[in-house]
Amino acid sequence: MISNAFITRMPAGIAGDVTRREHADIEPQVMDTDYPVLRYGEPVKMVDGKIRPITTDDDIDDIYGFGCRAYPIQTSSNEALGSATPPTNLHFDVMRRGYMTVKVQNGTPSKNASVFVRTVAADDPTAQPIGGLECASDGGDCFEITNAKFMGEADSDGNVEISYNL
């Protein structure tokens, strides 16, 4: 028996979930436990052979890929679906090329629009975290990921598909 009805549109997915897997290049990497990645579906960089989140003063040349949600993964049984924090004691998958669902922290994405990543703390760092994805440069507090594009509009939770390195 069906228990859900989608009146306007289905959810776009879960942040960090690779869509269209046949087009994706994914590498297992080691996360830097001193600088752990806190959210799936955000750009990451490689420093001394280990994966770290994007931070202040990073630029487009620092991006190594996007952190993938490995399937299945849930670090704790009391976390809500889609809110898990990447475990630091396991390999961390990084998408180097392909399509992925991400969470937009600010703005309204549209088909083929540019993707920006925040590198300067916002007034509300929970709503707009450093490393989070946005739809505009926000006065220089974000830089454009020139090889990434939004593939459409976000769902009601801010999830939307992007293409990267295609």
N, C-alpha and C. Protein backbone atom coordinates (compact mmCIF):
# COMPACT_ATOMS: atom_id res chain seq x y z
N MET A 1 0.84 -1.18 0.00
CA MET A 1 0.00 0.00 0.00
C MET A 1 0.88 1.24 0.00
N ILE A 2 0.60 2.17 -0.83
CA ILE A 2 1.37 3.40 -0.91
C ILE A 2 1.00 4.30 0.26
N SER A 3 2.05 4.81 0.95
CA SER A 3 1.78 5.65 2.12
C SER A 3 2.13 7.11 1.88
N ASN A 4 2.76 7.44 0.76
CA ASN A 4 3.13 8.83 0.47
C ASN A 4 2.53 9.25 -0.86
N ALA A 5 2.17 10.51 -0.95
CA ALA A 5 1.72 11.08 -2.21
C ALA A 5 2.53 12.34 -2.46
N PHE A 6 3.09 12.47 -3.66
CA PHE A 6 3.85 13.65 -4.02
C PHE A 6 2.95 14.52 -4.88
N ILE A 7 2.54 15.65 -4.34
CA ILE A 7 1.57 16.49 -5.03
C ILE A 7 2.24 17.38 -6.08
N THR A 8 3.40 17.96 -5.77
CA THR A 8 4.03 18.85 -6.73
C THR A 8 5.22 18.19 -7.42
N ARG A 9 6.16 17.63 -6.66
CA ARG A 9 7.29 16.93 -7.26
C ARG A 9 7.93 16.02 -6.23
N MET A 10 8.62 15.01 -6.72
CA MET A 10 9.33 14.11 -5.82
C MET A 10 10.56 14.82 -5.27
N PRO A 11 11.07 14.39 -4.11
CA PRO A 11 12.31 14.96 -3.60
C PRO A 11 13.45 14.74 -4.61
N ALA A 12 14.40 15.68 -4.63
CA ALA A 12 15.50 15.60 -5.59
C ALA A 12 16.55 14.58 -5.20
N GLY A 13 16.57 14.17 -3.95
CA GLY A 13 17.55 13.20 -3.49
C GLY A 13 18.12 13.58 -2.14
N ILE A 14 19.25 12.98 -1.81
CA ILE A 14 19.92 13.22 -0.54
C ILE A 14 21.30 13.77 -0.85
N ALA A 15 21.71 14.81 -0.14
CA ALA A 15 23.01 15.45 -0.40
C ALA A 15 24.14 14.42 -0.35
N GLY A 16 24.96 14.44 -1.39
CA GLY A 16 26.09 13.52 -1.47
C GLY A 16 25.81 12.25 -2.24
N ASP A 17 24.55 12.04 -2.62
CA ASP A 17 24.19 10.84 -3.37
C ASP A 17 24.53 11.05 -4.84
N VAL A 18 25.32 10.15 -5.40
CA VAL A 18 25.69 10.24 -6.81
C VAL A 18 24.50 9.80 -7.65
N THR A 19 24.11 10.64 -8.59
CA THR A 19 23.04 10.31 -9.52
C THR A 19 23.70 9.94 -10.84
N ARG A 20 23.01 9.23 -11.69
CA ARG A 20 23.56 8.83 -12.99
C ARG A 20 24.96 8.21 -12.81
N ARG A 21 25.02 7.17 -12.01
CA ARG A 21 26.30 6.54 -11.64
C ARG A 21 27.15 6.11 -12.84
N GLU A 22 26.50 5.81 -13.95
CA GLU A 22 27.26 5.37 -15.12
C GLU A 22 28.16 6.47 -15.68
N HIS A 23 27.92 7.72 -15.30
CA HIS A 23 28.73 8.85 -15.77
C HIS A 23 29.72 9.33 -14.73
N ALA A 24 29.84 8.65 -13.61
CA ALA A 24 30.65 9.14 -12.49
C ALA A 24 32.01 8.46 -12.39
N ASP A 25 32.99 9.24 -12.01
CA ASP A 25 34.31 8.73 -11.62
C ASP A 25 34.44 9.00 -10.13
N ILE A 26 34.55 7.94 -9.34
CA ILE A 26 34.60 8.06 -7.88
C ILE A 26 35.86 7.37 -7.39
N GLU A 27 36.57 8.03 -6.48
CA GLU A 27 37.79 7.48 -5.91
C GLU A 27 37.65 7.32 -4.41
N PRO A 28 38.11 6.21 -3.84
CA PRO A 28 38.18 6.11 -2.38
C PRO A 28 39.43 6.86 -1.90
N GLN A 29 39.27 7.69 -0.91
CA GLN A 29 40.39 8.48 -0.38
C GLN A 29 40.41 8.37 1.14
N VAL A 30 41.47 8.88 1.74
CA VAL A 30 41.61 8.90 3.19
C VAL A 30 41.29 10.31 3.67
N MET A 31 40.42 10.42 4.67
CA MET A 31 40.07 11.71 5.23
C MET A 31 41.10 12.11 6.28
N ASP A 32 41.44 13.38 6.32
CA ASP A 32 42.32 13.92 7.35
C ASP A 32 41.52 14.04 8.64
N THR A 33 41.80 13.22 9.62
CA THR A 33 41.01 13.21 10.86
C THR A 33 41.21 14.47 11.69
N ASP A 34 42.28 15.23 11.43
CA ASP A 34 42.46 16.50 12.13
C ASP A 34 41.57 17.60 11.54
N TYR A 35 41.16 17.43 10.28
CA TYR A 35 40.29 18.38 9.59
C TYR A 35 39.20 17.58 8.87
N PRO A 36 38.26 17.00 9.62
CA PRO A 36 37.28 16.10 9.01
C PRO A 36 36.24 16.83 8.15
N VAL A 37 35.78 16.14 7.13
CA VAL A 37 34.67 16.62 6.31
C VAL A 37 33.39 16.39 7.12
N LEU A 38 32.56 17.42 7.26
CA LEU A 38 31.38 17.33 8.13
C LEU A 38 30.09 17.06 7.39
N ARG A 39 30.06 17.30 6.06
CA ARG A 39 28.83 17.13 5.31
C ARG A 39 29.12 16.48 3.96
N TYR A 40 28.23 15.61 3.54
CA TYR A 40 28.32 15.01 2.21
C TYR A 40 27.85 16.02 1.16
N GLY A 41 28.30 15.84 -0.08
CA GLY A 41 27.81 16.65 -1.18
C GLY A 41 28.42 18.02 -1.27
N GLU A 42 29.56 18.24 -0.63
CA GLU A 42 30.25 19.52 -0.70
C GLU A 42 31.64 19.31 -1.30
N PRO A 43 32.20 20.36 -1.91
CA PRO A 43 33.53 20.21 -2.48
C PRO A 43 34.58 19.96 -1.40
N VAL A 44 35.59 19.20 -1.77
CA VAL A 44 36.68 18.87 -0.85
C VAL A 44 38.01 19.14 -1.55
N LYS A 45 39.07 19.24 -0.75
CA LYS A 45 40.41 19.45 -1.29
C LYS A 45 41.32 18.34 -0.78
N MET A 46 42.47 18.18 -1.42
CA MET A 46 43.45 17.21 -0.96
C MET A 46 44.69 17.95 -0.47
N VAL A 47 45.10 17.64 0.76
CA VAL A 47 46.30 18.23 1.36
C VAL A 47 47.15 17.09 1.90
N ASP A 48 48.37 16.99 1.43
CA ASP A 48 49.30 15.94 1.86
C ASP A 48 48.70 14.54 1.72
N GLY A 49 47.96 14.32 0.62
CA GLY A 49 47.41 13.01 0.34
C GLY A 49 46.15 12.66 1.11
N LYS A 50 45.57 13.63 1.84
CA LYS A 50 44.35 13.37 2.61
C LYS A 50 43.28 14.41 2.25
N ILE A 51 42.02 13.99 2.39
CA ILE A 51 40.89 14.84 2.04
C ILE A 51 40.50 15.73 3.22
N ARG A 52 40.26 17.01 2.90
CA ARG A 52 39.82 18.00 3.89
C ARG A 52 38.67 18.81 3.29
N PRO A 53 37.88 19.48 4.14
CA PRO A 53 36.83 20.37 3.61
C PRO A 53 37.44 21.66 3.07
N ILE A 54 36.69 22.36 2.24
CA ILE A 54 37.08 23.68 1.76
C ILE A 54 37.03 24.65 2.94
N THR A 55 38.02 25.54 3.01
CA THR A 55 38.09 26.51 4.11
C THR A 55 38.34 27.91 3.56
N THR A 56 38.43 28.88 4.45
CA THR A 56 38.73 30.26 4.08
C THR A 56 40.03 30.31 3.29
N ASP A 57 40.10 31.18 2.31
CA ASP A 57 41.27 31.41 1.46
C ASP A 57 41.49 30.33 0.40
N ASP A 58 40.63 29.32 0.30
CA ASP A 58 40.74 28.35 -0.79
C ASP A 58 40.17 28.96 -2.07
N ASP A 59 40.54 28.40 -3.20
CA ASP A 59 39.99 28.86 -4.47
C ASP A 59 39.72 27.65 -5.38
N ILE A 60 39.33 27.93 -6.61
CA ILE A 60 38.92 26.87 -7.53
C ILE A 60 40.02 25.83 -7.74
N ASP A 61 41.27 26.25 -7.68
CA ASP A 61 42.38 25.31 -7.89
C ASP A 61 42.54 24.32 -6.75
N ASP A 62 41.94 24.60 -5.59
CA ASP A 62 42.05 23.70 -4.44
C ASP A 62 41.06 22.54 -4.50
N ILE A 63 39.98 22.68 -5.28
CA ILE A 63 38.94 21.65 -5.29
C ILE A 63 39.45 20.37 -5.94
N TYR A 64 39.32 19.27 -5.21
CA TYR A 64 39.72 17.95 -5.72
C TYR A 64 38.51 17.19 -6.26
N GLY A 65 37.34 17.43 -5.67
CA GLY A 65 36.12 16.75 -6.06
C GLY A 65 35.02 17.05 -5.07
N PHE A 66 33.97 16.22 -5.07
CA PHE A 66 32.84 16.36 -4.15
C PHE A 66 32.74 15.11 -3.28
N GLY A 67 32.50 15.31 -1.99
CA GLY A 67 32.36 14.19 -1.07
C GLY A 67 31.09 13.40 -1.33
N CYS A 68 31.23 12.08 -1.53
CA CYS A 68 30.10 11.20 -1.85
C CYS A 68 29.57 10.49 -0.62
N ARG A 69 28.30 10.29 -0.62
CA ARG A 69 27.67 9.45 0.39
C ARG A 69 27.79 8.01 -0.10
N ALA A 70 28.58 7.23 0.61
CA ALA A 70 28.71 5.81 0.25
C ALA A 70 27.40 5.12 0.61
N TYR A 71 27.04 4.10 -0.14
CA TYR A 71 25.78 3.42 0.13
C TYR A 71 26.06 2.00 0.58
N PRO A 72 25.45 1.50 1.59
CA PRO A 72 24.66 2.25 2.57
C PRO A 72 25.56 2.79 3.68
N ILE A 73 25.22 3.93 4.21
CA ILE A 73 25.98 4.48 5.34
C ILE A 73 25.06 5.30 6.23
N GLN A 74 25.15 5.06 7.48
CA GLN A 74 24.45 5.84 8.50
C GLN A 74 25.29 5.68 9.75
N THR A 75 25.91 6.75 10.22
CA THR A 75 26.87 6.63 11.31
C THR A 75 26.21 6.36 12.65
N SER A 76 24.94 6.68 12.78
CA SER A 76 24.24 6.46 14.04
C SER A 76 22.79 6.12 13.74
N SER A 77 22.21 5.26 14.54
CA SER A 77 20.83 4.86 14.29
C SER A 77 19.83 5.94 14.64
N ASN A 78 20.25 6.98 15.38
CA ASN A 78 19.30 8.03 15.74
C ASN A 78 19.43 9.28 14.88
N GLU A 79 20.20 9.21 13.78
CA GLU A 79 20.29 10.34 12.86
C GLU A 79 19.19 10.24 11.81
N ALA A 80 18.67 11.38 11.42
CA ALA A 80 17.64 11.40 10.38
C ALA A 80 18.26 11.04 9.04
N LEU A 81 17.45 10.49 8.15
CA LEU A 81 17.91 10.13 6.81
C LEU A 81 18.45 11.37 6.11
N GLY A 82 19.64 11.26 5.57
CA GLY A 82 20.23 12.37 4.84
C GLY A 82 21.00 13.36 5.69
N SER A 83 21.09 13.13 7.00
CA SER A 83 21.79 14.08 7.86
C SER A 83 23.06 13.51 8.45
N ALA A 84 23.47 12.33 8.05
CA ALA A 84 24.63 11.67 8.63
C ALA A 84 25.91 12.46 8.40
N THR A 85 26.79 12.40 9.38
CA THR A 85 28.12 12.99 9.28
C THR A 85 29.07 11.92 8.78
N PRO A 86 29.93 12.23 7.82
CA PRO A 86 30.85 11.21 7.31
C PRO A 86 31.74 10.64 8.43
N PRO A 87 31.87 9.33 8.51
CA PRO A 87 32.74 8.73 9.52
C PRO A 87 34.21 9.00 9.18
N THR A 88 35.01 9.31 10.19
CA THR A 88 36.42 9.62 9.95
C THR A 88 37.30 8.39 9.97
N ASN A 89 36.76 7.24 10.38
CA ASN A 89 37.58 6.03 10.49
C ASN A 89 37.44 5.10 9.29
N LEU A 90 36.77 5.55 8.23
CA LEU A 90 36.59 4.75 7.01
C LEU A 90 37.11 5.52 5.81
N HIS A 91 37.26 4.83 4.68
CA HIS A 91 37.60 5.54 3.45
C HIS A 91 36.48 6.51 3.12
N PHE A 92 36.82 7.58 2.44
CA PHE A 92 35.86 8.61 2.07
C PHE A 92 35.84 8.70 0.54
N ASP A 93 34.69 8.46 -0.05
CA ASP A 93 34.57 8.49 -1.50
C ASP A 93 34.49 9.93 -2.01
N VAL A 94 35.21 10.20 -3.09
CA VAL A 94 35.23 11.52 -3.70
C VAL A 94 34.86 11.39 -5.18
N MET A 95 33.83 12.13 -5.59
CA MET A 95 33.44 12.14 -6.99
C MET A 95 34.32 13.14 -7.73
N ARG A 96 35.08 12.66 -8.70
CA ARG A 96 35.94 13.53 -9.50
C ARG A 96 35.24 14.03 -10.75
N ARG A 97 34.18 13.31 -11.18
CA ARG A 97 33.43 13.69 -12.37
C ARG A 97 32.08 13.02 -12.29
N GLY A 98 31.02 13.75 -12.66
CA GLY A 98 29.71 13.13 -12.72
C GLY A 98 28.59 14.03 -12.26
N TYR A 99 27.50 13.39 -11.84
CA TYR A 99 26.30 14.08 -11.37
C TYR A 99 26.06 13.70 -9.91
N MET A 100 25.62 14.66 -9.11
CA MET A 100 25.41 14.42 -7.68
C MET A 100 24.29 15.31 -7.16
N THR A 101 23.58 14.82 -6.15
CA THR A 101 22.63 15.66 -5.43
C THR A 101 23.39 16.42 -4.36
N VAL A 102 23.16 17.73 -4.28
CA VAL A 102 23.80 18.58 -3.28
C VAL A 102 22.73 19.41 -2.59
N LYS A 103 23.09 20.00 -1.46
CA LYS A 103 22.17 20.90 -0.75
C LYS A 103 22.61 22.33 -1.00
N VAL A 104 21.69 23.15 -1.48
CA VAL A 104 21.97 24.57 -1.72
C VAL A 104 21.69 25.33 -0.43
N GLN A 105 22.67 26.08 0.03
CA GLN A 105 22.54 26.82 1.29
C GLN A 105 21.93 28.20 1.10
N ASN A 106 22.06 28.77 -0.11
CA ASN A 106 21.58 30.13 -0.31
C ASN A 106 21.27 30.34 -1.79
N GLY A 107 20.12 30.92 -2.07
CA GLY A 107 19.74 31.24 -3.44
C GLY A 107 18.79 30.22 -4.04
N THR A 108 18.39 30.49 -5.26
CA THR A 108 17.46 29.62 -5.98
C THR A 108 18.13 29.14 -7.26
N PRO A 109 18.55 27.87 -7.30
CA PRO A 109 19.23 27.38 -8.50
C PRO A 109 18.27 27.20 -9.67
N SER A 110 18.84 27.26 -10.87
CA SER A 110 18.07 27.01 -12.08
C SER A 110 18.95 26.23 -13.05
N LYS A 111 18.33 25.66 -14.06
CA LYS A 111 19.03 24.83 -15.04
C LYS A 111 20.21 25.58 -15.65
N ASN A 112 21.39 24.93 -15.62
CA ASN A 112 22.63 25.43 -16.20
C ASN A 112 23.20 26.66 -15.50
N ALA A 113 22.72 26.97 -14.29
CA ALA A 113 23.25 28.11 -13.53
C ALA A 113 24.56 27.73 -12.85
N SER A 114 25.37 28.72 -12.56
CA SER A 114 26.67 28.51 -11.92
C SER A 114 26.53 28.07 -10.47
N VAL A 115 27.52 27.30 -10.01
CA VAL A 115 27.57 26.82 -8.63
C VAL A 115 28.71 27.56 -7.92
N PHE A 116 28.43 28.07 -6.72
CA PHE A 116 29.41 28.80 -5.93
C PHE A 116 29.61 28.09 -4.60
N VAL A 117 30.82 28.21 -4.03
CA VAL A 117 31.11 27.64 -2.71
C VAL A 117 31.54 28.77 -1.78
N ARG A 118 31.00 28.75 -0.56
CA ARG A 118 31.28 29.79 0.44
C ARG A 118 32.65 29.56 1.07
N THR A 119 33.43 30.65 1.17
CA THR A 119 34.74 30.58 1.80
C THR A 119 34.90 31.59 2.94
N VAL A 120 33.89 32.43 3.16
CA VAL A 120 33.92 33.41 4.24
C VAL A 120 32.69 33.20 5.09
N ALA A 121 32.87 33.19 6.41
CA ALA A 121 31.74 32.95 7.32
C ALA A 121 30.63 33.98 7.11
N ALA A 122 29.40 33.51 7.11
CA ALA A 122 28.23 34.37 6.98
C ALA A 122 27.76 34.81 8.36
N ASP A 123 26.79 35.73 8.38
CA ASP A 123 26.21 36.16 9.66
C ASP A 123 25.62 34.99 10.41
N ASP A 124 25.02 34.05 9.67
CA ASP A 124 24.46 32.84 10.27
C ASP A 124 25.22 31.63 9.70
N PRO A 125 26.33 31.23 10.36
CA PRO A 125 27.15 30.14 9.82
C PRO A 125 26.45 28.79 9.77
N THR A 126 25.35 28.62 10.49
CA THR A 126 24.62 27.34 10.39
C THR A 126 23.83 27.29 9.10
N ALA A 127 23.27 28.42 8.70
CA ALA A 127 22.48 28.47 7.46
C ALA A 127 23.38 28.55 6.23
N GLN A 128 24.54 29.20 6.36
CA GLN A 128 25.47 29.36 5.25
C GLN A 128 26.88 28.99 5.71
N PRO A 129 27.17 27.70 5.85
CA PRO A 129 28.48 27.28 6.36
C PRO A 129 29.60 27.45 5.32
N ILE A 130 30.82 27.63 5.80
CA ILE A 130 31.97 27.62 4.90
C ILE A 130 32.03 26.25 4.24
N GLY A 131 32.19 26.23 2.93
CA GLY A 131 32.18 24.99 2.17
C GLY A 131 30.81 24.66 1.59
N GLY A 132 29.78 25.39 2.03
CA GLY A 132 28.43 25.16 1.53
C GLY A 132 28.25 25.73 0.13
N LEU A 133 27.28 25.20 -0.60
CA LEU A 133 27.04 25.62 -1.98
C LEU A 133 25.96 26.68 -2.05
N GLU A 134 26.17 27.66 -2.94
CA GLU A 134 25.24 28.76 -3.10
C GLU A 134 25.06 29.07 -4.58
N CYS A 135 24.14 30.01 -4.86
CA CYS A 135 23.80 30.33 -6.25
C CYS A 135 24.42 31.63 -6.75
N ALA A 136 25.14 32.36 -5.90
CA ALA A 136 25.76 33.62 -6.30
C ALA A 136 27.01 33.86 -5.48
N SER A 137 27.81 34.84 -5.89
CA SER A 137 29.09 35.09 -5.22
C SER A 137 28.94 35.74 -3.86
N ASP A 138 27.79 36.34 -3.56
CA ASP A 138 27.49 36.93 -2.26
C ASP A 138 28.56 37.95 -1.85
N GLY A 139 28.84 38.88 -2.74
CA GLY A 139 29.78 39.95 -2.42
C GLY A 139 31.22 39.50 -2.26
N GLY A 140 31.61 38.44 -2.93
CA GLY A 140 32.98 37.96 -2.84
C GLY A 140 33.22 36.96 -1.74
N ASP A 141 32.17 36.58 -1.01
CA ASP A 141 32.32 35.59 0.06
C ASP A 141 32.29 34.16 -0.47
N CYS A 142 32.06 34.02 -1.77
CA CYS A 142 32.01 32.71 -2.43
C CYS A 142 32.79 32.80 -3.74
N PHE A 143 33.26 31.66 -4.23
CA PHE A 143 33.85 31.65 -5.57
C PHE A 143 33.10 30.64 -6.42
N GLU A 144 33.12 30.87 -7.73
CA GLU A 144 32.42 30.00 -8.67
C GLU A 144 33.22 28.74 -8.93
N ILE A 145 32.54 27.61 -8.90
CA ILE A 145 33.13 26.34 -9.32
C ILE A 145 32.85 26.27 -10.82
N THR A 146 33.82 26.70 -11.62
CA THR A 146 33.59 26.92 -13.05
C THR A 146 33.22 25.67 -13.82
N ASN A 147 33.56 24.50 -13.32
CA ASN A 147 33.24 23.26 -14.03
C ASN A 147 32.06 22.52 -13.39
N ALA A 148 31.20 23.27 -12.68
CA ALA A 148 29.98 22.69 -12.09
C ALA A 148 28.78 23.54 -12.48
N LYS A 149 27.66 22.88 -12.74
CA LYS A 149 26.42 23.57 -13.10
C LYS A 149 25.24 22.91 -12.39
N PHE A 150 24.26 23.74 -12.01
CA PHE A 150 23.01 23.19 -11.48
C PHE A 150 22.23 22.58 -12.64
N MET A 151 21.57 21.46 -12.37
CA MET A 151 20.83 20.75 -13.42
C MET A 151 19.33 21.03 -13.38
N GLY A 152 18.91 21.94 -12.52
CA GLY A 152 17.49 22.27 -12.43
C GLY A 152 17.21 23.02 -11.14
N GLU A 153 15.96 22.97 -10.72
CA GLU A 153 15.54 23.66 -9.50
C GLU A 153 15.69 22.75 -8.29
N ALA A 154 15.79 23.37 -7.12
CA ALA A 154 15.90 22.61 -5.87
C ALA A 154 14.53 22.15 -5.41
N ASP A 155 14.51 21.07 -4.63
CA ASP A 155 13.26 20.63 -4.02
C ASP A 155 13.00 21.47 -2.77
N SER A 156 11.97 21.15 -2.02
CA SER A 156 11.59 21.96 -0.85
C SER A 156 12.63 21.92 0.27
N ASP A 157 13.55 20.95 0.25
CA ASP A 157 14.61 20.87 1.25
C ASP A 157 15.91 21.49 0.77
N GLY A 158 15.93 22.05 -0.42
CA GLY A 158 17.14 22.68 -0.96
C GLY A 158 18.06 21.72 -1.68
N ASN A 159 17.61 20.50 -1.94
CA ASN A 159 18.43 19.52 -2.65
C ASN A 159 18.24 19.67 -4.15
N VAL A 160 19.35 19.60 -4.89
CA VAL A 160 19.32 19.77 -6.33
C VAL A 160 20.48 18.99 -6.95
N GLU A 161 20.32 18.59 -8.19
CA GLU A 161 21.38 17.87 -8.88
C GLU A 161 22.34 18.86 -9.53
N ILE A 162 23.65 18.51 -9.50
CA ILE A 162 24.67 19.28 -10.21
C ILE A 162 25.42 18.35 -11.16
N SER A 163 26.05 18.95 -12.16
CA SER A 163 27.03 18.22 -12.97
C SER A 163 28.39 18.80 -12.61
N TYR A 164 29.42 17.95 -12.62
CA TYR A 164 30.76 18.39 -12.25
C TYR A 164 31.80 17.75 -13.16
N ASN A 165 32.68 18.56 -13.72
CA ASN A 165 33.78 18.10 -14.58
C ASN A 165 33.32 17.34 -15.81
N LEU A 166 32.21 17.70 -16.38
CA LEU A 166 31.72 17.01 -17.59
C LEU A 166 32.00 17.82 -18.83
